[in-house]
């Protein structure tokens, strides 16, 4: 009986170390040398919303509850390489892939978590060419909100507005 319990625990431990969640990357790489890791709490976001006027895109900013940003730009190459490897084998869990971009070696994945009809979390994972960034945005967005934001930004870049 002890063999079975020991084997089960060993298998569970192996699974936990291999299938690291994307969320735990903030904890692991936020402590790396020269890493910039910023967390904007719900309280600070509510204070920030007081200063958002009626500018373009302000409706979406008002729906953001909290944010975390991890930037490894100034980290040693070994840290960036390890980050890229961890991202490749990370368990996406409840995330659905919204978009994947590969542009001249720069790779961006946009993942989302949904609850009912609302997008509750957006996760941007950027790797390649020395760019290692992880951005997590928590809030309550609709697909229409995301469409509006994409249309606003692509319109500006392609001269439509």
C-alpha atoms as a PDB file:
ATOM      1  CA  UNK A   1       0.000   0.000   0.000  1.00  0.00           C
ATOM      2  CA  UNK A   2       2.874   2.355   0.841  1.00  0.00           C
ATOM      3  CA  UNK A   3       4.366   1.747  -2.619  1.00  0.00           C
ATOM      4  CA  UNK A   4       1.154   2.859  -4.311  1.00  0.00           C
ATOM      5  CA  UNK A   5       0.868   6.011  -2.224  1.00  0.00           C
ATOM      6  CA  UNK A   6       4.548   6.840  -2.780  1.00  0.00           C
ATOM      7  CA  UNK A   7       4.214   6.268  -6.542  1.00  0.00           C
ATOM      8  CA  UNK A   8       1.077   8.431  -6.685  1.00  0.00           C
ATOM      9  CA  UNK A   9       2.806  11.258  -4.814  1.00  0.00           C
ATOM     10  CA  UNK A  10       5.857  11.000  -7.060  1.00  0.00           C
ATOM     11  CA  UNK A  11       3.720  11.211 -10.214  1.00  0.00           C
ATOM     12  CA  UNK A  12       1.829  14.178  -8.813  1.00  0.00           C
ATOM     13  CA  UNK A  13       5.078  15.970  -7.968  1.00  0.00           C
ATOM     14  CA  UNK A  14       6.425  15.363 -11.483  1.00  0.00           C
ATOM     15  CA  UNK A  15       3.260  16.737 -13.029  1.00  0.00           C
ATOM     16  CA  UNK A  16       3.357  19.840 -10.873  1.00  0.00           C
ATOM     17  CA  UNK A  17       6.948  20.658 -11.781  1.00  0.00           C
ATOM     18  CA  UNK A  18       6.485  20.063 -15.511  1.00  0.00           C
ATOM     19  CA  UNK A  19       3.101  21.728 -16.003  1.00  0.00           C
ATOM     20  CA  UNK A  20       3.937  25.068 -14.459  1.00  0.00           C
ATOM     21  CA  UNK A  21       1.142  27.574 -14.837  1.00  0.00           C
ATOM     22  CA  UNK A  22       1.650  30.823 -16.692  1.00  0.00           C
ATOM     23  CA  UNK A  23       0.566  32.662 -13.559  1.00  0.00           C
ATOM     24  CA  UNK A  24       3.524  31.294 -11.567  1.00  0.00           C
ATOM     25  CA  UNK A  25       5.958  32.805 -14.079  1.00  0.00           C
ATOM     26  CA  UNK A  26       5.421  36.184 -12.404  1.00  0.00           C
ATOM     27  CA  UNK A  27       6.659  34.770  -9.097  1.00  0.00           C
ATOM     28  CA  UNK A  28       9.610  32.895 -10.561  1.00  0.00           C
ATOM     29  CA  UNK A  29      10.967  35.518 -12.973  1.00  0.00           C
ATOM     30  CA  UNK A  30       9.966  38.612 -10.997  1.00  0.00           C
ATOM     31  CA  UNK A  31      12.918  37.852  -8.709  1.00  0.00           C
ATOM     32  CA  UNK A  32      15.445  37.557 -11.554  1.00  0.00           C
ATOM     33  CA  UNK A  33      18.301  40.092 -11.691  1.00  0.00           C
ATOM     34  CA  UNK A  34      17.259  43.324 -13.481  1.00  0.00           C
ATOM     35  CA  UNK A  35      13.659  42.120 -13.902  1.00  0.00           C
ATOM     36  CA  UNK A  36      10.917  44.710 -13.647  1.00  0.00           C
ATOM     37  CA  UNK A  37       7.747  43.367 -12.075  1.00  0.00           C
ATOM     38  CA  UNK A  38       4.900  45.754 -11.345  1.00  0.00           C
ATOM     39  CA  UNK A  39       1.528  44.977  -9.821  1.00  0.00           C
ATOM     40  CA  UNK A  40      -1.244  47.551  -9.907  1.00  0.00           C
ATOM     41  CA  UNK A  41      -3.748  46.643  -7.215  1.00  0.00           C
ATOM     42  CA  UNK A  42      -7.530  47.056  -7.513  1.00  0.00           C
ATOM     43  CA  UNK A  43      -7.342  50.007  -5.101  1.00  0.00           C
ATOM     44  CA  UNK A  44      -4.717  51.811  -7.182  1.00  0.00           C
ATOM     45  CA  UNK A  45      -6.708  51.122 -10.371  1.00  0.00           C
ATOM     46  CA  UNK A  46      -9.820  52.645  -8.777  1.00  0.00           C
ATOM     47  CA  UNK A  47      -7.799  55.766  -7.892  1.00  0.00           C
ATOM     48  CA  UNK A  48      -6.427  55.903 -11.444  1.00  0.00           C
ATOM     49  CA  UNK A  49      -9.935  55.713 -12.916  1.00  0.00           C
ATOM     50  CA  UNK A  50     -10.688  59.062 -11.282  1.00  0.00           C
ATOM     51  CA  UNK A  51      -8.195  60.697 -13.640  1.00  0.00           C
ATOM     52  CA  UNK A  52      -9.426  59.066 -16.839  1.00  0.00           C
ATOM     53  CA  UNK A  53     -11.527  61.488 -18.816  1.00  0.00           C
ATOM     54  CA  UNK A  54     -13.701  60.820 -21.838  1.00  0.00           C
ATOM     55  CA  UNK A  55     -10.746  60.093 -24.084  1.00  0.00           C
ATOM     56  CA  UNK A  56     -10.777  57.407 -26.723  1.00  0.00           C
ATOM     57  CA  UNK A  57     -10.541  53.975 -25.089  1.00  0.00           C
ATOM     58  CA  UNK A  58     -11.378  55.265 -21.614  1.00  0.00           C
ATOM     59  CA  UNK A  59     -14.412  52.942 -21.396  1.00  0.00           C
ATOM     60  CA  UNK A  60     -12.110  49.925 -21.424  1.00  0.00           C
ATOM     61  CA  UNK A  61      -9.672  51.420 -18.910  1.00  0.00           C
ATOM     62  CA  UNK A  62     -12.575  51.875 -16.504  1.00  0.00           C
ATOM     63  CA  UNK A  63     -13.288  48.129 -16.718  1.00  0.00           C
ATOM     64  CA  UNK A  64      -9.758  47.085 -15.696  1.00  0.00           C
ATOM     65  CA  UNK A  65      -9.667  45.800 -12.116  1.00  0.00           C
ATOM     66  CA  UNK A  66      -5.935  45.099 -11.705  1.00  0.00           C
ATOM     67  CA  UNK A  67      -2.761  44.538 -13.731  1.00  0.00           C
ATOM     68  CA  UNK A  68       0.610  42.840 -13.484  1.00  0.00           C
ATOM     69  CA  UNK A  69       3.535  43.457 -15.811  1.00  0.00           C
ATOM     70  CA  UNK A  70       6.771  41.489 -15.957  1.00  0.00           C
ATOM     71  CA  UNK A  71       9.526  42.878 -18.200  1.00  0.00           C
ATOM     72  CA  UNK A  72      12.808  41.000 -18.616  1.00  0.00           C
ATOM     73  CA  UNK A  73      14.378  43.329 -21.201  1.00  0.00           C
ATOM     74  CA  UNK A  74      17.391  44.202 -19.008  1.00  0.00           C
ATOM     75  CA  UNK A  75      17.925  40.643 -17.739  1.00  0.00           C
ATOM     76  CA  UNK A  76      20.822  38.412 -18.803  1.00  0.00           C
ATOM     77  CA  UNK A  77      20.335  36.273 -21.913  1.00  0.00           C
ATOM     78  CA  UNK A  78      20.204  33.079 -19.806  1.00  0.00           C
ATOM     79  CA  UNK A  79      17.161  34.373 -17.922  1.00  0.00           C
ATOM     80  CA  UNK A  80      15.390  35.307 -21.154  1.00  0.00           C
ATOM     81  CA  UNK A  81      16.159  31.906 -22.654  1.00  0.00           C
ATOM     82  CA  UNK A  82      14.859  30.119 -19.550  1.00  0.00           C
ATOM     83  CA  UNK A  83      11.719  32.276 -19.653  1.00  0.00           C
ATOM     84  CA  UNK A  84      11.113  31.293 -23.284  1.00  0.00           C
ATOM     85  CA  UNK A  85      11.526  27.615 -22.434  1.00  0.00           C
ATOM     86  CA  UNK A  86       9.172  27.871 -19.446  1.00  0.00           C
ATOM     87  CA  UNK A  87       6.545  29.624 -21.567  1.00  0.00           C
ATOM     88  CA  UNK A  88       6.710  26.871 -24.203  1.00  0.00           C
ATOM     89  CA  UNK A  89       6.058  24.102 -21.712  1.00  0.00           C
ATOM     90  CA  UNK A  90       3.721  26.036 -19.392  1.00  0.00           C
ATOM     91  CA  UNK A  91       0.239  24.724 -18.772  1.00  0.00           C
ATOM     92  CA  UNK A  92      -2.344  27.157 -20.167  1.00  0.00           C
ATOM     93  CA  UNK A  93      -5.041  25.680 -17.893  1.00  0.00           C
ATOM     94  CA  UNK A  94      -8.301  27.612 -18.180  1.00  0.00           C
ATOM     95  CA  UNK A  95      -6.939  30.070 -20.736  1.00  0.00           C
ATOM     96  CA  UNK A  96      -8.243  30.121 -24.286  1.00  0.00           C
ATOM     97  CA  UNK A  97      -5.956  31.377 -27.016  1.00  0.00           C
ATOM     98  CA  UNK A  98      -7.341  34.537 -28.542  1.00  0.00           C
ATOM     99  CA  UNK A  99      -4.470  35.283 -30.905  1.00  0.00           C
ATOM    100  CA  UNK A 100      -0.965  34.115 -31.840  1.00  0.00           C
ATOM    101  CA  UNK A 101       1.484  36.332 -33.736  1.00  0.00           C
ATOM    102  CA  UNK A 102       4.915  35.423 -35.087  1.00  0.00           C
ATOM    103  CA  UNK A 103       6.606  38.401 -36.722  1.00  0.00           C
ATOM    104  CA  UNK A 104      10.301  38.054 -37.643  1.00  0.00           C
ATOM    105  CA  UNK A 105      11.078  36.030 -34.515  1.00  0.00           C
ATOM    106  CA  UNK A 106       8.942  38.086 -32.143  1.00  0.00           C
ATOM    107  CA  UNK A 107       6.220  35.836 -30.749  1.00  0.00           C
ATOM    108  CA  UNK A 108       3.118  37.143 -29.044  1.00  0.00           C
ATOM    109  CA  UNK A 109       0.312  35.072 -27.591  1.00  0.00           C
ATOM    110  CA  UNK A 110      -2.891  36.641 -26.310  1.00  0.00           C
ATOM    111  CA  UNK A 111      -4.813  34.387 -23.958  1.00  0.00           C
ATOM    112  CA  UNK A 112      -8.075  34.972 -22.151  1.00  0.00           C
ATOM    113  CA  UNK A 113     -10.154  33.509 -19.348  1.00  0.00           C
ATOM    114  CA  UNK A 114     -13.886  33.764 -19.698  1.00  0.00           C
ATOM    115  CA  UNK A 115     -16.671  33.448 -17.174  1.00  0.00           C
ATOM    116  CA  UNK A 116     -20.094  33.181 -18.771  1.00  0.00           C
ATOM    117  CA  UNK A 117     -20.082  35.810 -21.535  1.00  0.00           C
ATOM    118  CA  UNK A 118     -17.471  38.098 -19.976  1.00  0.00           C
ATOM    119  CA  UNK A 119     -13.710  38.088 -20.469  1.00  0.00           C
ATOM    120  CA  UNK A 120     -12.323  38.154 -16.934  1.00  0.00           C
ATOM    121  CA  UNK A 121      -8.608  38.074 -17.700  1.00  0.00           C
ATOM    122  CA  UNK A 122      -6.295  38.836 -20.608  1.00  0.00           C
ATOM    123  CA  UNK A 123      -2.741  37.539 -20.658  1.00  0.00           C
ATOM    124  CA  UNK A 124      -0.146  38.793 -23.159  1.00  0.00           C
ATOM    125  CA  UNK A 125       2.974  36.633 -23.500  1.00  0.00           C
ATOM    126  CA  UNK A 126       5.815  38.088 -25.592  1.00  0.00           C
ATOM    127  CA  UNK A 127       9.024  36.187 -26.375  1.00  0.00           C
ATOM    128  CA  UNK A 128      11.776  36.204 -28.995  1.00  0.00           C
ATOM    129  CA  UNK A 129      14.538  38.564 -30.141  1.00  0.00           C
ATOM    130  CA  UNK A 130      15.379  39.478 -26.548  1.00  0.00           C
ATOM    131  CA  UNK A 131      11.829  40.583 -25.797  1.00  0.00           C
ATOM    132  CA  UNK A 132      10.390  38.769 -22.792  1.00  0.00           C
ATOM    133  CA  UNK A 133       7.263  40.357 -21.388  1.00  0.00           C
ATOM    134  CA  UNK A 134       4.221  39.065 -19.554  1.00  0.00           C
ATOM    135  CA  UNK A 135       1.173  41.272 -19.008  1.00  0.00           C
ATOM    136  CA  UNK A 136      -1.906  40.172 -17.082  1.00  0.00           C
ATOM    137  CA  UNK A 137      -5.042  42.344 -17.092  1.00  0.00           C
ATOM    138  CA  UNK A 138      -7.955  41.464 -14.819  1.00  0.00           C
ATOM    139  CA  UNK A 139     -11.376  42.989 -15.268  1.00  0.00           C
ATOM    140  CA  UNK A 140     -14.730  42.373 -16.856  1.00  0.00           C
ATOM    141  CA  UNK A 141     -14.762  42.950 -20.597  1.00  0.00           C
ATOM    142  CA  UNK A 142     -17.111  41.970 -23.371  1.00  0.00           C
ATOM    143  CA  UNK A 143     -16.019  40.812 -26.790  1.00  0.00           C
ATOM    144  CA  UNK A 144     -17.465  44.063 -28.119  1.00  0.00           C
ATOM    145  CA  UNK A 145     -15.037  46.023 -25.895  1.00  0.00           C
ATOM    146  CA  UNK A 146     -12.080  44.140 -27.353  1.00  0.00           C
ATOM    147  CA  UNK A 147     -13.366  44.634 -30.921  1.00  0.00           C
ATOM    148  CA  UNK A 148     -13.689  48.384 -30.342  1.00  0.00           C
ATOM    149  CA  UNK A 149     -10.166  48.618 -28.941  1.00  0.00           C
ATOM    150  CA  UNK A 150      -8.691  46.658 -31.857  1.00  0.00           C
ATOM    151  CA  UNK A 151     -10.591  48.798 -34.379  1.00  0.00           C
ATOM    152  CA  UNK A 152      -9.409  52.015 -32.720  1.00  0.00           C
ATOM    153  CA  UNK A 153      -5.771  50.950 -32.666  1.00  0.00           C
ATOM    154  CA  UNK A 154      -5.616  49.411 -36.146  1.00  0.00           C
ATOM    155  CA  UNK A 155      -7.423  52.397 -37.593  1.00  0.00           C
ATOM    156  CA  UNK A 156      -4.746  54.733 -36.246  1.00  0.00           C
ATOM    157  CA  UNK A 157      -1.852  52.649 -37.519  1.00  0.00           C
ATOM    158  CA  UNK A 158      -3.220  52.128 -41.017  1.00  0.00           C
ATOM    159  CA  UNK A 159      -4.284  55.697 -41.603  1.00  0.00           C
ATOM    160  CA  UNK A 160      -8.012  55.055 -41.453  1.00  0.00           C
ATOM    161  CA  UNK A 161      -8.534  57.666 -38.767  1.00  0.00           C
END
